[in-house]
C-alpha atoms as a PDB file:
ATOM      1  CA  MET A   1     104.448 -53.437 -15.439  1.00  0.00           C
ATOM      2  CA  GLU A   2     103.854 -49.724 -15.150  1.00  0.00           C
ATOM      3  CA  THR A   3     101.295 -47.986 -17.302  1.00  0.00           C
ATOM      4  CA  PRO A   4     102.278 -44.941 -19.377  1.00  0.00           C
ATOM      5  CA  LYS A   5     100.048 -42.836 -17.100  1.00  0.00           C
ATOM      6  CA  ALA A   6     101.881 -44.061 -13.991  1.00  0.00           C
ATOM      7  CA  ARG A   7     105.265 -43.293 -15.592  1.00  0.00           C
ATOM      8  CA  PHE A   8     104.084 -39.788 -16.515  1.00  0.00           C
ATOM      9  CA  GLN A   9     102.824 -39.136 -13.004  1.00  0.00           C
ATOM     10  CA  GLN A  10     106.244 -39.839 -11.501  1.00  0.00           C
ATOM     11  CA  ALA A  11     107.302 -36.336 -12.546  1.00  0.00           C
ATOM     12  CA  GLU A  12     105.243 -34.160 -10.190  1.00  0.00           C
ATOM     13  CA  LYS A  13     106.294 -30.950 -11.952  1.00  0.00           C
ATOM     14  CA  ASP A  14     104.969 -32.241 -15.293  1.00  0.00           C
ATOM     15  CA  VAL A  15     101.718 -33.410 -13.714  1.00  0.00           C
ATOM     16  CA  SER A  16     101.179 -30.021 -12.101  1.00  0.00           C
ATOM     17  CA  TRP A  17     101.967 -28.178 -15.346  1.00  0.00           C
ATOM     18  CA  LEU A  18      99.593 -30.327 -17.420  1.00  0.00           C
ATOM     19  CA  ALA A  19      96.815 -30.021 -14.830  1.00  0.00           C
ATOM     20  CA  ASP A  20      97.168 -26.222 -14.999  1.00  0.00           C
ATOM     21  CA  VAL A  21      97.141 -26.220 -18.809  1.00  0.00           C
ATOM     22  CA  THR A  22      94.100 -28.482 -19.171  1.00  0.00           C
ATOM     23  CA  ALA A  23      92.163 -26.503 -16.544  1.00  0.00           C
ATOM     24  CA  ASN A  24      92.710 -23.300 -18.530  1.00  0.00           C
ATOM     25  CA  SER A  25      89.768 -22.009 -20.585  1.00  0.00           C
ATOM     26  CA  ILE A  26      92.118 -21.273 -23.502  1.00  0.00           C
ATOM     27  CA  PHE A  27      92.982 -24.973 -23.746  1.00  0.00           C
ATOM     28  CA  SER A  28      89.300 -25.872 -23.721  1.00  0.00           C
ATOM     29  CA  ARG A  29      88.493 -23.374 -26.476  1.00  0.00           C
ATOM     30  CA  ALA A  30      91.494 -24.526 -28.522  1.00  0.00           C
ATOM     31  CA  THR A  31      90.493 -28.194 -28.347  1.00  0.00           C
ATOM     32  CA  ASP A  32      86.896 -27.315 -29.245  1.00  0.00           C
ATOM     33  CA  ALA A  33      88.096 -25.271 -32.219  1.00  0.00           C
ATOM     34  CA  ALA A  34      90.466 -28.045 -33.332  1.00  0.00           C
ATOM     35  CA  LEU A  35      87.664 -30.625 -33.223  1.00  0.00           C
ATOM     36  CA  LEU A  36      85.341 -28.335 -35.161  1.00  0.00           C
ATOM     37  CA  GLN A  37      88.054 -27.675 -37.742  1.00  0.00           C
ATOM     38  CA  MET A  38      88.686 -31.392 -38.081  1.00  0.00           C
ATOM     39  CA  GLN A  39      84.967 -32.035 -38.430  1.00  0.00           C
ATOM     40  CA  SER A  40      84.637 -29.426 -41.170  1.00  0.00           C
ATOM     41  CA  GLU A  41      87.561 -31.015 -43.024  1.00  0.00           C
ATOM     42  CA  VAL A  42      85.996 -34.482 -42.756  1.00  0.00           C
ATOM     43  CA  VAL A  43      82.613 -33.224 -43.973  1.00  0.00           C
ATOM     44  CA  GLY A  44      84.158 -31.048 -46.681  1.00  0.00           C
ATOM     45  CA  GLN A  45      85.841 -33.952 -48.492  1.00  0.00           C
ATOM     46  CA  GLU A  46      84.821 -34.555 -52.095  1.00  0.00           C
ATOM     47  CA  GLN A  47      83.712 -38.108 -51.371  1.00  0.00           C
ATOM     48  CA  PRO A  48      83.165 -38.254 -47.629  1.00  0.00           C
ATOM     49  CA  ASP A  49      83.332 -41.691 -46.057  1.00  0.00           C
ATOM     50  CA  ALA A  50      80.935 -41.567 -43.106  1.00  0.00           C
ATOM     51  CA  MET A  51      82.474 -44.429 -41.117  1.00  0.00           C
ATOM     52  CA  ARG A  52      86.051 -43.250 -41.595  1.00  0.00           C
ATOM     53  CA  GLY A  53      85.043 -39.719 -40.602  1.00  0.00           C
ATOM     54  CA  TYR A  54      83.220 -41.034 -37.545  1.00  0.00           C
ATOM     55  CA  TYR A  55      86.250 -43.006 -36.387  1.00  0.00           C
ATOM     56  CA  ARG A  56      88.586 -40.066 -36.990  1.00  0.00           C
ATOM     57  CA  MET A  57      86.402 -37.816 -34.841  1.00  0.00           C
ATOM     58  CA  GLU A  58      85.956 -40.506 -32.186  1.00  0.00           C
ATOM     59  CA  GLY A  59      89.726 -41.028 -32.057  1.00  0.00           C
ATOM     60  CA  ALA A  60      90.381 -37.306 -31.728  1.00  0.00           C
ATOM     61  CA  GLN A  61      87.879 -37.010 -28.883  1.00  0.00           C
ATOM     62  CA  LEU A  62      89.384 -40.019 -27.084  1.00  0.00           C
ATOM     63  CA  PHE A  63      92.861 -38.536 -27.441  1.00  0.00           C
ATOM     64  CA  ILE A  64      91.784 -35.221 -25.944  1.00  0.00           C
ATOM     65  CA  LYS A  65      90.005 -37.031 -23.104  1.00  0.00           C
ATOM     66  CA  SER A  66      93.140 -39.088 -22.389  1.00  0.00           C
ATOM     67  CA  LEU A  67      95.314 -35.974 -22.471  1.00  0.00           C
ATOM     68  CA  MET A  68      93.020 -34.165 -20.043  1.00  0.00           C
ATOM     69  CA  ASN A  69      92.880 -37.133 -17.662  1.00  0.00           C
ATOM     70  CA  ILE A  70      96.536 -38.189 -17.697  1.00  0.00           C
ATOM     71  CA  ALA A  71      97.390 -35.815 -14.844  1.00  0.00           C
ATOM     72  CA  GLU A  72      94.521 -36.968 -12.615  1.00  0.00           C
ATOM     73  CA  LYS A  73      95.526 -39.034  -9.645  1.00  0.00           C
ATOM     74  CA  LYS A  74      93.601 -42.138  -8.764  1.00  0.00           C
ATOM     75  CA  ILE A  75      91.616 -41.700  -5.562  1.00  0.00           C
ATOM     76  CA  THR A  76      92.191 -44.585  -3.225  1.00  0.00           C
ATOM     77  CA  LYS A  77      89.435 -45.728  -0.940  1.00  0.00           C
ATOM     78  CA  THR A  78      90.188 -46.025   2.728  1.00  0.00           C
ATOM     79  CA  ALA A  79      88.651 -48.515   5.073  1.00  0.00           C
ATOM     80  CA  ALA A  80      86.038 -47.259   7.481  1.00  0.00           C
ATOM     81  CA  ASN A  81      87.240 -46.480  10.965  1.00  0.00           C
ATOM     82  CA  PRO A  82      85.393 -48.823  13.356  1.00  0.00           C
ATOM     83  CA  ASP A  83      85.743 -46.282  16.185  1.00  0.00           C
ATOM     84  CA  ARG A  84      83.856 -43.663  14.179  1.00  0.00           C
ATOM     85  CA  PRO A  85      80.176 -44.297  13.487  1.00  0.00           C
ATOM     86  CA  LEU A  86      79.115 -44.026   9.870  1.00  0.00           C
ATOM     87  CA  ASN A  87      75.779 -42.396  10.665  1.00  0.00           C
ATOM     88  CA  LEU A  88      74.822 -39.426  12.731  1.00  0.00           C
ATOM     89  CA  ASN A  89      73.987 -40.003  16.335  1.00  0.00           C
ATOM     90  CA  HIS A  90      70.196 -39.833  16.406  1.00  0.00           C
ATOM     91  CA  LYS A  91      69.977 -40.241  20.184  1.00  0.00           C
ATOM     92  CA  VAL A  92      70.761 -36.614  20.976  1.00  0.00           C
END
């Protein structure tokens, strides 16, 4: 079964677009401002509930992290080439 991330990454154009957007400093400033705004709203409630506010902020941060990482490709490890030494040749 394919993950939602794998399904998203099938559209190369979308992956490229999202990678460009999330790498932009405007996106970073906007997400920072949105989190700060959300935090001020949580703190500014008449009867703030600390645990509920914590989980709201934690959820928002996890969402932003997922959004920023959805376009990242998994790096696959390759086996070492037995014909190529792993260390430098110290006999020179």
